[in-house]
């Protein structure tokens, strides 16, 4: 396993429209589990004001796309398809645990694919499903 510092986290929300939501971090880390499934574990330590948002995703067992910037804020973000493993209150703050797979480290390819799928009329859960098929 390899552990890295999580410097920035964005959630790509896809309910009705695609919306990129930046999540201000208090701290965080990302672990390449190097397992047979090529899964990564992401922990974001954030403000408790995000609790309802992430708890809804957790309870609905939704898959979400996140972009994580690792080690330095100037690095290109890596894109992951994830599920939320847990949402935990910690005093005045909280943490969110994600598990998922990296889909492509080249942001421009991901953006082109998403744009193409949106132009084809995909949205919401169907967009995510089709994206996963092609990624």
C-alpha atoms as a PDB file:
ATOM      1  CA  UNK A   1       0.000   0.000   0.000  1.00  0.00           C
ATOM      2  CA  UNK A   2       1.103   3.540  -0.731  1.00  0.00           C
ATOM      3  CA  UNK A   3      -0.225   6.533   1.183  1.00  0.00           C
ATOM      4  CA  UNK A   4      -0.352  10.103  -0.112  1.00  0.00           C
ATOM      5  CA  UNK A   5      -1.474  13.460   1.274  1.00  0.00           C
ATOM      6  CA  UNK A   6      -4.853  14.587  -0.080  1.00  0.00           C
ATOM      7  CA  UNK A   7      -4.559  18.278  -0.969  1.00  0.00           C
ATOM      8  CA  UNK A   8      -7.835  18.978  -2.768  1.00  0.00           C
ATOM      9  CA  UNK A   9     -11.141  17.167  -3.275  1.00  0.00           C
ATOM     10  CA  UNK A  10     -13.943  17.874  -5.720  1.00  0.00           C
ATOM     11  CA  UNK A  11     -17.164  15.907  -6.061  1.00  0.00           C
ATOM     12  CA  UNK A  12     -18.774  15.737  -9.484  1.00  0.00           C
ATOM     13  CA  UNK A  13     -22.466  15.816  -8.616  1.00  0.00           C
ATOM     14  CA  UNK A  14     -24.690  14.371 -11.308  1.00  0.00           C
ATOM     15  CA  UNK A  15     -28.276  14.413 -10.030  1.00  0.00           C
ATOM     16  CA  UNK A  16     -29.961  16.697 -12.574  1.00  0.00           C
ATOM     17  CA  UNK A  17     -26.961  18.481 -14.040  1.00  0.00           C
ATOM     18  CA  UNK A  18     -23.249  17.958 -13.761  1.00  0.00           C
ATOM     19  CA  UNK A  19     -21.926  20.200 -11.029  1.00  0.00           C
ATOM     20  CA  UNK A  20     -18.407  20.175  -9.637  1.00  0.00           C
ATOM     21  CA  UNK A  21     -18.426  20.843  -5.888  1.00  0.00           C
ATOM     22  CA  UNK A  22     -15.156  21.729  -4.191  1.00  0.00           C
ATOM     23  CA  UNK A  23     -14.928  20.308  -0.660  1.00  0.00           C
ATOM     24  CA  UNK A  24     -12.658  22.399   1.603  1.00  0.00           C
ATOM     25  CA  UNK A  25     -10.333  20.010   3.428  1.00  0.00           C
ATOM     26  CA  UNK A  26      -9.084  20.293   6.965  1.00  0.00           C
ATOM     27  CA  UNK A  27      -6.911  17.261   6.273  1.00  0.00           C
ATOM     28  CA  UNK A  28      -6.980  14.123   4.214  1.00  0.00           C
ATOM     29  CA  UNK A  29      -5.142  11.178   2.785  1.00  0.00           C
ATOM     30  CA  UNK A  30      -5.417   8.787  -0.092  1.00  0.00           C
ATOM     31  CA  UNK A  31      -4.200   5.199  -0.122  1.00  0.00           C
ATOM     32  CA  UNK A  32      -3.442   3.062  -3.137  1.00  0.00           C
ATOM     33  CA  UNK A  33      -4.415  -0.308  -1.702  1.00  0.00           C
ATOM     34  CA  UNK A  34      -2.546  -2.140  -4.477  1.00  0.00           C
ATOM     35  CA  UNK A  35      -5.078  -4.956  -4.244  1.00  0.00           C
ATOM     36  CA  UNK A  36      -6.435  -7.213  -6.987  1.00  0.00           C
ATOM     37  CA  UNK A  37      -9.280  -4.752  -7.639  1.00  0.00           C
ATOM     38  CA  UNK A  38      -6.973  -1.702  -8.016  1.00  0.00           C
ATOM     39  CA  UNK A  39      -8.972   0.155  -5.383  1.00  0.00           C
ATOM     40  CA  UNK A  40      -8.036   3.389  -3.668  1.00  0.00           C
ATOM     41  CA  UNK A  41      -9.195   4.574  -0.239  1.00  0.00           C
ATOM     42  CA  UNK A  42      -9.759   8.306   0.244  1.00  0.00           C
ATOM     43  CA  UNK A  43     -10.298   9.941   3.629  1.00  0.00           C
ATOM     44  CA  UNK A  44     -11.428  13.566   3.775  1.00  0.00           C
ATOM     45  CA  UNK A  45     -11.466  15.349   7.141  1.00  0.00           C
ATOM     46  CA  UNK A  46     -13.887  18.237   6.632  1.00  0.00           C
ATOM     47  CA  UNK A  47     -16.361  20.614   8.285  1.00  0.00           C
ATOM     48  CA  UNK A  48     -19.477  19.036   9.813  1.00  0.00           C
ATOM     49  CA  UNK A  49     -21.655  21.315   7.655  1.00  0.00           C
ATOM     50  CA  UNK A  50     -21.170  18.728   4.863  1.00  0.00           C
ATOM     51  CA  UNK A  51     -22.675  15.912   6.932  1.00  0.00           C
ATOM     52  CA  UNK A  52     -26.189  15.826   5.400  1.00  0.00           C
ATOM     53  CA  UNK A  53     -24.827  15.908   1.836  1.00  0.00           C
ATOM     54  CA  UNK A  54     -22.431  12.979   2.281  1.00  0.00           C
ATOM     55  CA  UNK A  55     -24.759  11.017   4.565  1.00  0.00           C
ATOM     56  CA  UNK A  56     -27.454  11.109   1.837  1.00  0.00           C
ATOM     57  CA  UNK A  57     -24.954   9.726  -0.686  1.00  0.00           C
ATOM     58  CA  UNK A  58     -23.883   7.061   1.830  1.00  0.00           C
ATOM     59  CA  UNK A  59     -27.433   5.991   2.722  1.00  0.00           C
ATOM     60  CA  UNK A  60     -28.487   5.839  -0.941  1.00  0.00           C
ATOM     61  CA  UNK A  61     -25.371   3.801  -1.799  1.00  0.00           C
ATOM     62  CA  UNK A  62     -24.737   6.144  -4.722  1.00  0.00           C
ATOM     63  CA  UNK A  63     -21.639   5.947  -6.846  1.00  0.00           C
ATOM     64  CA  UNK A  64     -20.025   9.332  -7.261  1.00  0.00           C
ATOM     65  CA  UNK A  65     -17.148  10.695  -9.252  1.00  0.00           C
ATOM     66  CA  UNK A  66     -14.478  12.562  -7.312  1.00  0.00           C
ATOM     67  CA  UNK A  67     -11.356  14.379  -8.378  1.00  0.00           C
ATOM     68  CA  UNK A  68      -8.513  14.193  -5.883  1.00  0.00           C
ATOM     69  CA  UNK A  69      -5.357  16.259  -5.993  1.00  0.00           C
ATOM     70  CA  UNK A  70      -2.507  14.391  -4.368  1.00  0.00           C
ATOM     71  CA  UNK A  71       0.680  15.609  -2.635  1.00  0.00           C
ATOM     72  CA  UNK A  72       0.792  19.174  -4.072  1.00  0.00           C
ATOM     73  CA  UNK A  73      -2.086  21.489  -4.997  1.00  0.00           C
ATOM     74  CA  UNK A  74      -0.369  22.174  -8.333  1.00  0.00           C
ATOM     75  CA  UNK A  75      -0.624  18.497  -9.402  1.00  0.00           C
ATOM     76  CA  UNK A  76      -3.280  17.450 -11.894  1.00  0.00           C
ATOM     77  CA  UNK A  77      -6.249  15.847 -10.119  1.00  0.00           C
ATOM     78  CA  UNK A  78      -6.884  12.127 -10.461  1.00  0.00           C
ATOM     79  CA  UNK A  79     -10.457  11.092 -11.223  1.00  0.00           C
ATOM     80  CA  UNK A  80     -12.139   8.240  -9.351  1.00  0.00           C
ATOM     81  CA  UNK A  81     -15.505   6.476  -9.422  1.00  0.00           C
ATOM     82  CA  UNK A  82     -16.259   5.870  -5.741  1.00  0.00           C
ATOM     83  CA  UNK A  83     -18.784   4.844  -3.159  1.00  0.00           C
ATOM     84  CA  UNK A  84     -18.911   6.263   0.344  1.00  0.00           C
ATOM     85  CA  UNK A  85     -17.786   3.694   2.933  1.00  0.00           C
ATOM     86  CA  UNK A  86     -18.633   5.815   5.931  1.00  0.00           C
ATOM     87  CA  UNK A  87     -19.511   9.237   7.290  1.00  0.00           C
ATOM     88  CA  UNK A  88     -18.350   9.914  10.839  1.00  0.00           C
ATOM     89  CA  UNK A  89     -18.828  12.874  13.144  1.00  0.00           C
ATOM     90  CA  UNK A  90     -15.622  13.794  14.968  1.00  0.00           C
ATOM     91  CA  UNK A  91     -16.272  16.589  17.465  1.00  0.00           C
ATOM     92  CA  UNK A  92     -17.018  19.762  15.495  1.00  0.00           C
ATOM     93  CA  UNK A  93     -15.818  18.129  12.267  1.00  0.00           C
ATOM     94  CA  UNK A  94     -16.344  14.914  10.310  1.00  0.00           C
ATOM     95  CA  UNK A  95     -14.631  12.519   7.991  1.00  0.00           C
ATOM     96  CA  UNK A  96     -15.840  10.828   4.840  1.00  0.00           C
ATOM     97  CA  UNK A  97     -14.317   7.569   3.625  1.00  0.00           C
ATOM     98  CA  UNK A  98     -14.511   6.767  -0.084  1.00  0.00           C
ATOM     99  CA  UNK A  99     -13.413   3.633  -1.906  1.00  0.00           C
ATOM    100  CA  UNK A 100     -13.079   3.514  -5.638  1.00  0.00           C
ATOM    101  CA  UNK A 101     -11.093   3.053  -8.788  1.00  0.00           C
ATOM    102  CA  UNK A 102      -9.014   5.588 -10.622  1.00  0.00           C
ATOM    103  CA  UNK A 103     -10.438   5.982 -14.103  1.00  0.00           C
ATOM    104  CA  UNK A 104      -7.895   8.073 -15.972  1.00  0.00           C
ATOM    105  CA  UNK A 105      -5.135  10.348 -14.832  1.00  0.00           C
ATOM    106  CA  UNK A 106      -5.441  12.528 -17.939  1.00  0.00           C
ATOM    107  CA  UNK A 107      -8.146  15.073 -17.153  1.00  0.00           C
ATOM    108  CA  UNK A 108      -8.610  16.190 -20.757  1.00  0.00           C
ATOM    109  CA  UNK A 109      -9.620  12.684 -21.875  1.00  0.00           C
ATOM    110  CA  UNK A 110     -12.154  12.420 -19.051  1.00  0.00           C
ATOM    111  CA  UNK A 111     -13.578  15.852 -19.868  1.00  0.00           C
ATOM    112  CA  UNK A 112     -13.871  14.990 -23.574  1.00  0.00           C
ATOM    113  CA  UNK A 113     -15.653  11.717 -22.800  1.00  0.00           C
ATOM    114  CA  UNK A 114     -18.086  13.394 -20.396  1.00  0.00           C
ATOM    115  CA  UNK A 115     -18.793  16.214 -22.851  1.00  0.00           C
ATOM    116  CA  UNK A 116     -19.473  13.702 -25.613  1.00  0.00           C
ATOM    117  CA  UNK A 117     -21.851  11.693 -23.425  1.00  0.00           C
ATOM    118  CA  UNK A 118     -23.704  14.841 -22.312  1.00  0.00           C
ATOM    119  CA  UNK A 119     -24.037  15.917 -25.946  1.00  0.00           C
ATOM    120  CA  UNK A 120     -25.527  12.485 -26.667  1.00  0.00           C
ATOM    121  CA  UNK A 121     -28.237  13.247 -24.096  1.00  0.00           C
ATOM    122  CA  UNK A 122     -27.027  11.214 -21.122  1.00  0.00           C
ATOM    123  CA  UNK A 123     -27.620  12.677 -17.670  1.00  0.00           C
ATOM    124  CA  UNK A 124     -27.904  11.684 -14.039  1.00  0.00           C
ATOM    125  CA  UNK A 125     -27.405   8.010 -13.220  1.00  0.00           C
ATOM    126  CA  UNK A 126     -27.526   7.005 -16.882  1.00  0.00           C
ATOM    127  CA  UNK A 127     -24.579   9.309 -17.562  1.00  0.00           C
ATOM    128  CA  UNK A 128     -22.546   7.684 -14.792  1.00  0.00           C
ATOM    129  CA  UNK A 129     -23.487   4.187 -15.979  1.00  0.00           C
ATOM    130  CA  UNK A 130     -22.488   4.898 -19.584  1.00  0.00           C
ATOM    131  CA  UNK A 131     -19.286   6.650 -18.460  1.00  0.00           C
ATOM    132  CA  UNK A 132     -18.259   3.599 -16.408  1.00  0.00           C
ATOM    133  CA  UNK A 133     -18.864   1.355 -19.415  1.00  0.00           C
ATOM    134  CA  UNK A 134     -16.530   3.430 -21.569  1.00  0.00           C
ATOM    135  CA  UNK A 135     -13.860   4.419 -19.009  1.00  0.00           C
END
